[in-house]
Each structure stands twice: as C-alpha cells, then as structure tokens.
Amino acid sequence: LMQLKLDKAKAILEGLTMENYDSVASNAKSLKLLSMEAGWNVMQTEEYATQSREFRRASDMIAEAALEKDISRATLGYVSLTTRCVECHTYMRKHRAKDTETK
C-alpha cells in the first residue's frame, strides 16, 4: 500500500510540473481511495483518524483544483498532502516506539 501511495504522489508531482491536470486529478482521486482501504487503518487512535481525514481533504483539494485547472491551488494541495504524510508517519513512529517501550 505504501508503494502505491508513493507512486500516486510522485505521479501528482509529475502532473503538476507538466500541467497535466487529468493526471493530477486521477492520481489524487486514487490516493483518496487508497486511504479508505482496510490496509490503510494501521492504528485505531483519534490522532491517526484525524491525520487520515486531513489526507483525504488534501486529496480532494488537489483533484478539485486540477479539474478547475488551478495550478496554484493544486500545488498548495500537494504541499498539504505531503505535510500530512510526513506528520502522520512521524506520529506512527513515535506511537510505535512508545508501545515498544511499554512492553
């Protein structure tokens, strides 16, 4: 799942740089769908659920902006999406480290 997510995120970046709005929109929609897969939900915490919701919002923003051919807004959405990825993975590492320490 992680490799698919990375592939879609890279494809969005490529689409943004080439102003290929169809590619940007379809890959953003694919990312949102990936975030709803059962394998995505690796933690059952409120913080993880919030991070996932914010990721889906950023995906929606990218797709909507691409459909409107708004490169600036689509790019801002991509920055938000990337920030969500980094923050969530940081949270997951810290959360797992705490779980390991308590065992």
C-alpha atoms as a PDB file:
ATOM      1  CA  LEU A   1       0.000   0.000   0.000  1.00  0.00           C
ATOM      2  CA  MET A   2       2.840   2.367   0.857  1.00  0.00           C
ATOM      3  CA  GLN A   3       4.469   1.838  -2.543  1.00  0.00           C
ATOM      4  CA  LEU A   4       1.162   2.568  -4.301  1.00  0.00           C
ATOM      5  CA  LYS A   5       0.801   5.730  -2.240  1.00  0.00           C
ATOM      6  CA  LEU A   6       4.293   6.858  -3.179  1.00  0.00           C
ATOM      7  CA  ASP A   7       3.694   6.096  -6.861  1.00  0.00           C
ATOM      8  CA  LYS A   8       0.483   8.144  -6.889  1.00  0.00           C
ATOM      9  CA  ALA A   9       2.124  11.041  -5.023  1.00  0.00           C
ATOM     10  CA  LYS A  10       5.031  11.058  -7.497  1.00  0.00           C
ATOM     11  CA  ALA A  11       2.566  10.996 -10.390  1.00  0.00           C
ATOM     12  CA  ILE A  12       0.781  14.038  -8.927  1.00  0.00           C
ATOM     13  CA  LEU A  13       4.073  15.914  -8.721  1.00  0.00           C
ATOM     14  CA  GLU A  14       4.904  14.964 -12.298  1.00  0.00           C
ATOM     15  CA  GLY A  15       1.444  16.059 -13.415  1.00  0.00           C
ATOM     16  CA  LEU A  16       1.834  19.385 -11.633  1.00  0.00           C
ATOM     17  CA  THR A  17       5.182  20.098 -13.246  1.00  0.00           C
ATOM     18  CA  MET A  18       3.824  19.200 -16.705  1.00  0.00           C
ATOM     19  CA  GLU A  19       0.425  20.860 -16.096  1.00  0.00           C
ATOM     20  CA  ASN A  20      -1.245  17.547 -16.888  1.00  0.00           C
ATOM     21  CA  TYR A  21      -4.448  18.235 -14.987  1.00  0.00           C
ATOM     22  CA  ASP A  22      -6.093  14.923 -15.880  1.00  0.00           C
ATOM     23  CA  SER A  23      -3.187  13.007 -14.377  1.00  0.00           C
ATOM     24  CA  VAL A  24      -3.164  15.198 -11.275  1.00  0.00           C
ATOM     25  CA  ALA A  25      -6.894  14.736 -10.702  1.00  0.00           C
ATOM     26  CA  SER A  26      -6.939  10.981 -11.332  1.00  0.00           C
ATOM     27  CA  ASN A  27      -3.948  10.306  -9.095  1.00  0.00           C
ATOM     28  CA  ALA A  28      -5.346  12.479  -6.309  1.00  0.00           C
ATOM     29  CA  LYS A  29      -8.632  10.570  -6.511  1.00  0.00           C
ATOM     30  CA  SER A  30      -6.717   7.286  -6.436  1.00  0.00           C
ATOM     31  CA  LEU A  31      -4.862   8.404  -3.319  1.00  0.00           C
ATOM     32  CA  LYS A  32      -8.130   9.198  -1.585  1.00  0.00           C
ATOM     33  CA  LEU A  33      -9.460   5.741  -2.489  1.00  0.00           C
ATOM     34  CA  LEU A  34      -6.277   4.133  -1.161  1.00  0.00           C
ATOM     35  CA  SER A  35      -6.803   5.959   2.126  1.00  0.00           C
ATOM     36  CA  MET A  36     -10.144   4.205   2.503  1.00  0.00           C
ATOM     37  CA  GLU A  37      -8.707   0.692   2.046  1.00  0.00           C
ATOM     38  CA  ALA A  38      -8.766  -1.556   5.093  1.00  0.00           C
ATOM     39  CA  GLY A  39      -4.969  -1.876   4.987  1.00  0.00           C
ATOM     40  CA  TRP A  40      -4.631   1.871   5.463  1.00  0.00           C
ATOM     41  CA  ASN A  41      -6.020   1.805   9.007  1.00  0.00           C
ATOM     42  CA  VAL A  42      -2.981   0.523  10.856  1.00  0.00           C
ATOM     43  CA  MET A  43      -3.811   2.347  14.095  1.00  0.00           C
ATOM     44  CA  GLN A  44      -7.020   2.906  15.972  1.00  0.00           C
ATOM     45  CA  THR A  45      -6.334   6.280  17.579  1.00  0.00           C
ATOM     46  CA  GLU A  46      -8.099   9.616  17.247  1.00  0.00           C
ATOM     47  CA  GLU A  47      -4.895  11.271  16.038  1.00  0.00           C
ATOM     48  CA  TYR A  48      -4.485   8.692  13.268  1.00  0.00           C
ATOM     49  CA  ALA A  49      -8.122   9.133  12.229  1.00  0.00           C
ATOM     50  CA  THR A  50      -7.632  12.914  12.126  1.00  0.00           C
ATOM     51  CA  GLN A  51      -4.482  12.565  10.034  1.00  0.00           C
ATOM     52  CA  SER A  52      -6.347  10.301   7.593  1.00  0.00           C
ATOM     53  CA  ARG A  53      -9.237  12.773   7.283  1.00  0.00           C
ATOM     54  CA  GLU A  54      -6.807  15.624   6.593  1.00  0.00           C
ATOM     55  CA  PHE A  55      -5.054  13.487   3.979  1.00  0.00           C
ATOM     56  CA  ARG A  56      -8.383  12.884   2.225  1.00  0.00           C
ATOM     57  CA  ARG A  57      -9.201  16.610   2.352  1.00  0.00           C
ATOM     58  CA  ALA A  58      -5.865  17.433   0.734  1.00  0.00           C
ATOM     59  CA  SER A  59      -6.503  14.780  -1.934  1.00  0.00           C
ATOM     60  CA  ASP A  60      -9.897  16.332  -2.635  1.00  0.00           C
ATOM     61  CA  MET A  61      -8.376  19.798  -2.847  1.00  0.00           C
ATOM     62  CA  ILE A  62      -5.828  18.624  -5.409  1.00  0.00           C
ATOM     63  CA  ALA A  63      -8.449  16.850  -7.532  1.00  0.00           C
ATOM     64  CA  GLU A  64     -10.874  19.784  -7.447  1.00  0.00           C
ATOM     65  CA  ALA A  65      -8.163  22.303  -8.291  1.00  0.00           C
ATOM     66  CA  ALA A  66      -6.918  20.138 -11.152  1.00  0.00           C
ATOM     67  CA  LEU A  67     -10.425  19.927 -12.588  1.00  0.00           C
ATOM     68  CA  GLU A  68     -10.560  23.734 -12.416  1.00  0.00           C
ATOM     69  CA  LYS A  69      -7.067  23.927 -13.975  1.00  0.00           C
ATOM     70  CA  ASP A  70      -5.887  25.930 -10.973  1.00  0.00           C
ATOM     71  CA  ILE A  71      -2.204  25.018 -10.802  1.00  0.00           C
ATOM     72  CA  SER A  72      -1.504  27.188  -7.729  1.00  0.00           C
ATOM     73  CA  ARG A  73      -4.282  25.662  -5.639  1.00  0.00           C
ATOM     74  CA  ALA A  74      -3.419  22.134  -6.810  1.00  0.00           C
ATOM     75  CA  THR A  75       0.191  22.744  -5.815  1.00  0.00           C
ATOM     76  CA  LEU A  76      -0.857  24.032  -2.393  1.00  0.00           C
ATOM     77  CA  GLY A  77      -2.961  20.907  -2.002  1.00  0.00           C
ATOM     78  CA  TYR A  78       0.067  18.790  -2.855  1.00  0.00           C
ATOM     79  CA  VAL A  79       2.140  20.597  -0.214  1.00  0.00           C
ATOM     80  CA  SER A  80      -0.646  19.948   2.305  1.00  0.00           C
ATOM     81  CA  LEU A  81      -0.827  16.291   1.272  1.00  0.00           C
ATOM     82  CA  THR A  82       2.924  15.880   1.655  1.00  0.00           C
ATOM     83  CA  THR A  83       2.824  17.556   5.050  1.00  0.00           C
ATOM     84  CA  ARG A  84       0.055  15.162   6.134  1.00  0.00           C
ATOM     85  CA  CYS A  85       2.185  12.186   5.040  1.00  0.00           C
ATOM     86  CA  VAL A  86       5.243  13.347   6.950  1.00  0.00           C
ATOM     87  CA  GLU A  87       3.300  14.273  10.102  1.00  0.00           C
ATOM     88  CA  CYS A  88       1.368  11.015  10.134  1.00  0.00           C
ATOM     89  CA  HIS A  89       4.452   8.847   9.632  1.00  0.00           C
ATOM     90  CA  THR A  90       6.261  10.791  12.364  1.00  0.00           C
ATOM     91  CA  TYR A  91       3.289  10.191  14.669  1.00  0.00           C
ATOM     92  CA  MET A  92       3.239   6.490  13.806  1.00  0.00           C
ATOM     93  CA  ARG A  93       6.953   6.043  14.545  1.00  0.00           C
ATOM     94  CA  LYS A  94       6.628   7.822  17.897  1.00  0.00           C
ATOM     95  CA  HIS A  95       3.478   5.905  18.806  1.00  0.00           C
ATOM     96  CA  ARG A  96       5.070   2.572  17.932  1.00  0.00           C
ATOM     97  CA  ALA A  97       8.235   3.468  19.842  1.00  0.00           C
ATOM     98  CA  LYS A  98       6.125   4.174  22.939  1.00  0.00           C
ATOM     99  CA  ASP A  99       4.324   0.850  22.522  1.00  0.00           C
ATOM    100  CA  THR A 100       7.668  -0.953  22.262  1.00  0.00           C
ATOM    101  CA  GLU A 101       8.988   0.768  25.389  1.00  0.00           C
ATOM    102  CA  THR A 102       5.982  -0.269  27.468  1.00  0.00           C
ATOM    103  CA  LYS A 103       6.279  -3.939  26.504  1.00  0.00           C
END
